[in-house]
N, C-alpha and C. Protein backbone atom coordinates (compact mmCIF):
# COMPACT_ATOMS: atom_id res chain seq x y z
N UNK A 1 0.84 -1.18 0.00
CA UNK A 1 0.00 0.00 0.00
C UNK A 1 0.89 1.25 0.00
N UNK A 2 0.41 2.32 -0.57
CA UNK A 2 1.19 3.55 -0.58
C UNK A 2 0.27 4.76 -0.49
N UNK A 3 0.89 5.88 -0.14
CA UNK A 3 0.15 7.15 -0.05
C UNK A 3 1.14 8.29 -0.27
N UNK A 4 0.59 9.48 -0.50
CA UNK A 4 1.42 10.66 -0.74
C UNK A 4 1.06 11.75 0.26
N UNK A 5 2.08 12.53 0.62
CA UNK A 5 1.88 13.67 1.51
C UNK A 5 2.51 14.88 0.83
N UNK A 6 1.73 15.93 0.63
CA UNK A 6 2.25 17.20 0.11
C UNK A 6 2.88 17.95 1.29
N UNK A 7 4.15 18.33 1.15
CA UNK A 7 4.86 18.98 2.25
C UNK A 7 5.47 20.30 1.81
N UNK A 8 5.84 21.09 2.79
CA UNK A 8 6.47 22.39 2.55
C UNK A 8 7.97 22.31 2.83
N UNK A 9 8.71 23.24 2.29
CA UNK A 9 10.12 23.49 2.60
C UNK A 9 11.12 22.56 1.93
N UNK A 10 10.70 21.67 1.03
CA UNK A 10 11.68 20.84 0.33
C UNK A 10 12.34 21.71 -0.74
N UNK A 11 13.68 21.82 -0.64
CA UNK A 11 14.39 22.71 -1.54
C UNK A 11 15.40 22.01 -2.44
N UNK A 12 15.93 20.86 -2.00
CA UNK A 12 17.04 20.28 -2.75
C UNK A 12 17.21 18.80 -2.45
N UNK A 13 18.24 18.23 -3.03
CA UNK A 13 18.55 16.83 -2.81
C UNK A 13 18.94 16.52 -1.37
N UNK A 14 19.52 17.50 -0.68
CA UNK A 14 19.85 17.32 0.73
C UNK A 14 18.61 17.13 1.57
N UNK A 15 17.58 17.93 1.28
CA UNK A 15 16.29 17.78 1.97
C UNK A 15 15.73 16.38 1.71
N UNK A 16 15.75 15.98 0.44
CA UNK A 16 15.21 14.68 0.06
C UNK A 16 15.97 13.54 0.73
N UNK A 17 17.29 13.67 0.82
CA UNK A 17 18.11 12.63 1.46
C UNK A 17 17.77 12.49 2.93
N UNK A 18 17.59 13.61 3.61
CA UNK A 18 17.22 13.57 5.02
C UNK A 18 15.87 12.91 5.19
N UNK A 19 14.90 13.31 4.39
CA UNK A 19 13.55 12.75 4.48
C UNK A 19 13.59 11.24 4.25
N UNK A 20 14.25 10.82 3.18
CA UNK A 20 14.33 9.38 2.89
C UNK A 20 14.99 8.62 4.04
N UNK A 21 16.12 9.11 4.50
CA UNK A 21 16.86 8.41 5.56
C UNK A 21 16.08 8.28 6.84
N UNK A 22 15.45 9.35 7.27
CA UNK A 22 14.71 9.34 8.53
C UNK A 22 13.42 8.53 8.44
N UNK A 23 12.72 8.64 7.31
CA UNK A 23 11.43 7.94 7.21
C UNK A 23 11.61 6.45 6.91
N UNK A 24 12.60 6.09 6.11
CA UNK A 24 12.80 4.67 5.80
C UNK A 24 13.25 3.88 7.03
N UNK A 25 13.74 4.57 8.06
CA UNK A 25 14.13 3.91 9.31
C UNK A 25 12.93 3.60 10.20
N UNK A 26 11.77 4.11 9.85
CA UNK A 26 10.57 3.90 10.67
C UNK A 26 9.94 2.54 10.39
N UNK A 27 9.39 1.92 11.45
CA UNK A 27 8.67 0.67 11.30
C UNK A 27 7.45 0.88 10.41
N UNK A 28 7.19 -0.06 9.53
CA UNK A 28 6.03 0.00 8.66
C UNK A 28 6.23 0.78 7.38
N UNK A 29 7.41 1.39 7.22
CA UNK A 29 7.73 2.16 6.01
C UNK A 29 8.73 1.35 5.20
N UNK A 30 8.36 1.02 3.96
CA UNK A 30 9.23 0.21 3.12
C UNK A 30 10.12 1.05 2.21
N UNK A 31 9.56 2.12 1.63
CA UNK A 31 10.31 2.94 0.68
C UNK A 31 9.74 4.35 0.66
N UNK A 32 10.63 5.32 0.47
CA UNK A 32 10.24 6.72 0.38
C UNK A 32 10.77 7.28 -0.94
N UNK A 33 9.91 7.98 -1.66
CA UNK A 33 10.32 8.74 -2.84
C UNK A 33 9.96 10.20 -2.59
N UNK A 34 10.84 11.10 -2.98
CA UNK A 34 10.62 12.53 -2.77
C UNK A 34 10.67 13.24 -4.11
N UNK A 35 9.59 13.94 -4.45
CA UNK A 35 9.55 14.78 -5.65
C UNK A 35 9.81 16.21 -5.18
N UNK A 36 11.04 16.66 -5.39
CA UNK A 36 11.46 17.96 -4.88
C UNK A 36 10.63 19.10 -5.47
N UNK A 37 10.47 19.10 -6.79
CA UNK A 37 9.73 20.20 -7.44
C UNK A 37 8.28 20.28 -6.99
N UNK A 38 7.63 19.14 -6.87
CA UNK A 38 6.21 19.11 -6.50
C UNK A 38 6.01 19.20 -4.99
N UNK A 39 7.06 18.94 -4.21
CA UNK A 39 6.92 18.95 -2.76
C UNK A 39 6.08 17.79 -2.26
N UNK A 40 6.28 16.61 -2.87
CA UNK A 40 5.48 15.44 -2.53
C UNK A 40 6.38 14.32 -2.02
N UNK A 41 5.98 13.75 -0.88
CA UNK A 41 6.65 12.59 -0.33
C UNK A 41 5.73 11.40 -0.55
N UNK A 42 6.21 10.40 -1.28
CA UNK A 42 5.44 9.18 -1.54
C UNK A 42 5.96 8.09 -0.61
N UNK A 43 5.04 7.47 0.10
CA UNK A 43 5.39 6.47 1.10
C UNK A 43 4.84 5.11 0.66
N UNK A 44 5.73 4.12 0.56
CA UNK A 44 5.30 2.74 0.33
C UNK A 44 5.39 2.05 1.69
N UNK A 45 4.26 1.58 2.15
CA UNK A 45 4.20 0.93 3.45
C UNK A 45 2.77 0.92 3.95
N UNK A 46 2.63 0.61 5.19
CA UNK A 46 1.31 0.51 5.80
C UNK A 46 0.63 1.88 5.90
N UNK A 47 -0.65 1.92 5.57
CA UNK A 47 -1.44 3.16 5.70
C UNK A 47 -1.49 3.61 7.16
N UNK A 48 -1.31 2.67 8.08
CA UNK A 48 -1.32 2.98 9.51
C UNK A 48 -0.17 3.90 9.92
N UNK A 49 0.84 4.02 9.08
CA UNK A 49 2.00 4.85 9.40
C UNK A 49 1.80 6.32 9.07
N UNK A 50 0.72 6.67 8.37
CA UNK A 50 0.55 8.04 7.88
C UNK A 50 0.68 9.09 8.99
N UNK A 51 0.02 8.89 10.10
CA UNK A 51 0.05 9.88 11.18
C UNK A 51 1.47 10.04 11.75
N UNK A 52 2.17 8.92 11.97
CA UNK A 52 3.52 9.02 12.52
C UNK A 52 4.50 9.58 11.49
N UNK A 53 4.32 9.26 10.22
CA UNK A 53 5.17 9.83 9.16
C UNK A 53 4.97 11.34 9.08
N UNK A 54 3.72 11.78 9.12
CA UNK A 54 3.41 13.21 9.07
C UNK A 54 4.02 13.93 10.27
N UNK A 55 3.94 13.32 11.44
CA UNK A 55 4.52 13.91 12.64
C UNK A 55 6.04 14.00 12.53
N UNK A 56 6.67 12.96 11.98
CA UNK A 56 8.13 12.96 11.82
C UNK A 56 8.56 14.01 10.80
N UNK A 57 7.80 14.15 9.73
CA UNK A 57 8.10 15.20 8.75
C UNK A 57 8.06 16.58 9.41
N UNK A 58 7.08 16.82 10.26
CA UNK A 58 6.97 18.10 10.97
C UNK A 58 8.19 18.31 11.86
N UNK A 59 8.62 17.26 12.58
CA UNK A 59 9.81 17.36 13.43
C UNK A 59 11.05 17.72 12.62
N UNK A 60 11.12 17.22 11.40
CA UNK A 60 12.27 17.48 10.53
C UNK A 60 12.21 18.86 9.87
N UNK A 61 11.05 19.52 9.93
CA UNK A 61 10.91 20.83 9.32
C UNK A 61 10.18 20.82 7.99
N UNK A 62 9.50 19.71 7.70
CA UNK A 62 8.76 19.57 6.44
C UNK A 62 7.30 19.25 6.75
N UNK A 63 6.54 20.25 7.23
CA UNK A 63 5.15 19.98 7.60
C UNK A 63 4.27 19.70 6.38
N UNK A 64 3.21 18.96 6.63
CA UNK A 64 2.23 18.74 5.58
C UNK A 64 1.68 20.09 5.15
N UNK A 65 1.53 20.30 3.87
CA UNK A 65 1.06 21.59 3.34
C UNK A 65 -0.21 22.04 4.02
N UNK A 66 -0.20 23.29 4.44
CA UNK A 66 -1.37 23.89 5.04
C UNK A 66 -1.58 23.61 6.51
N UNK A 67 -0.63 22.91 7.17
CA UNK A 67 -0.84 22.57 8.58
C UNK A 67 -0.07 23.45 9.54
N UNK A 68 0.94 24.16 9.08
CA UNK A 68 1.75 25.01 9.96
C UNK A 68 1.59 26.47 9.52
N UNK A 69 1.29 27.31 10.51
CA UNK A 69 1.11 28.74 10.23
C UNK A 69 1.87 29.56 11.26
N UNK A 70 2.15 30.80 10.93
CA UNK A 70 2.77 31.72 11.86
C UNK A 70 4.10 31.23 12.39
N UNK A 71 4.23 31.24 13.71
CA UNK A 71 5.48 30.85 14.35
C UNK A 71 5.81 29.40 14.07
N UNK A 72 4.81 28.54 14.04
CA UNK A 72 5.04 27.12 13.75
C UNK A 72 5.64 26.95 12.36
N UNK A 73 5.17 27.72 11.40
CA UNK A 73 5.72 27.65 10.04
C UNK A 73 7.16 28.16 10.02
N UNK A 74 7.44 29.21 10.76
CA UNK A 74 8.81 29.75 10.82
C UNK A 74 9.75 28.74 11.47
N UNK A 75 9.30 28.08 12.53
CA UNK A 75 10.12 27.05 13.18
C UNK A 75 10.39 25.90 12.22
N UNK A 76 9.36 25.48 11.50
CA UNK A 76 9.52 24.38 10.55
C UNK A 76 10.52 24.75 9.46
N UNK A 77 10.45 25.98 8.99
CA UNK A 77 11.37 26.42 7.95
C UNK A 77 12.81 26.41 8.47
N UNK A 78 13.01 26.87 9.70
CA UNK A 78 14.35 26.86 10.30
C UNK A 78 14.87 25.43 10.45
N UNK A 79 14.02 24.52 10.90
CA UNK A 79 14.41 23.13 11.05
C UNK A 79 14.76 22.52 9.69
N UNK A 80 14.02 22.91 8.66
CA UNK A 80 14.29 22.35 7.33
C UNK A 80 15.67 22.75 6.83
N UNK A 81 16.14 23.96 7.19
CA UNK A 81 17.49 24.37 6.78
C UNK A 81 18.54 23.44 7.40
N UNK A 82 18.35 23.07 8.67
CA UNK A 82 19.27 22.17 9.34
C UNK A 82 19.19 20.78 8.71
N UNK A 83 17.97 20.29 8.49
CA UNK A 83 17.79 18.97 7.86
C UNK A 83 18.41 18.94 6.48
N UNK A 84 18.27 20.01 5.75
CA UNK A 84 18.84 20.12 4.40
C UNK A 84 20.36 19.99 4.47
N UNK A 85 20.99 20.73 5.40
CA UNK A 85 22.44 20.69 5.53
C UNK A 85 22.92 19.30 5.94
N UNK A 86 22.21 18.67 6.86
CA UNK A 86 22.57 17.32 7.31
C UNK A 86 22.45 16.34 6.13
N UNK A 87 21.39 16.48 5.36
CA UNK A 87 21.19 15.62 4.20
C UNK A 87 22.28 15.80 3.17
N UNK A 88 22.73 17.02 2.96
CA UNK A 88 23.80 17.28 2.00
C UNK A 88 25.11 16.67 2.47
N UNK A 89 25.40 16.80 3.76
CA UNK A 89 26.62 16.21 4.30
C UNK A 89 26.59 14.70 4.20
N UNK A 90 25.44 14.12 4.51
CA UNK A 90 25.31 12.67 4.47
C UNK A 90 25.38 12.09 3.06
N UNK A 91 24.99 12.87 2.07
CA UNK A 91 24.99 12.36 0.68
C UNK A 91 26.35 12.54 0.01
N UNK A 92 27.30 13.18 0.68
CA UNK A 92 28.63 13.39 0.11
C UNK A 92 29.56 12.19 0.33
N UNK A 93 29.11 11.19 1.06
CA UNK A 93 29.95 10.02 1.36
C UNK A 93 30.34 9.25 0.13
């Protein structure tokens, strides 16, 4: 089974690498694909994981589109910059 989540703040391959690495480590998630231009995270795995995947994306700074506003959106954007940098460093191996 699979599903898609539209998210904010995906800017580059570093962002995508962080998202893939963190989400594929979760129980019930088999594979993650990230469409950077569209801002879509595709999840192959149990539908039961949707809530925990969405929560983890928010922790990483990539909230589901339309769910973070004001200060929460600013915090998410700041977190995404850190996640992006970590993803870039990790993909240079």
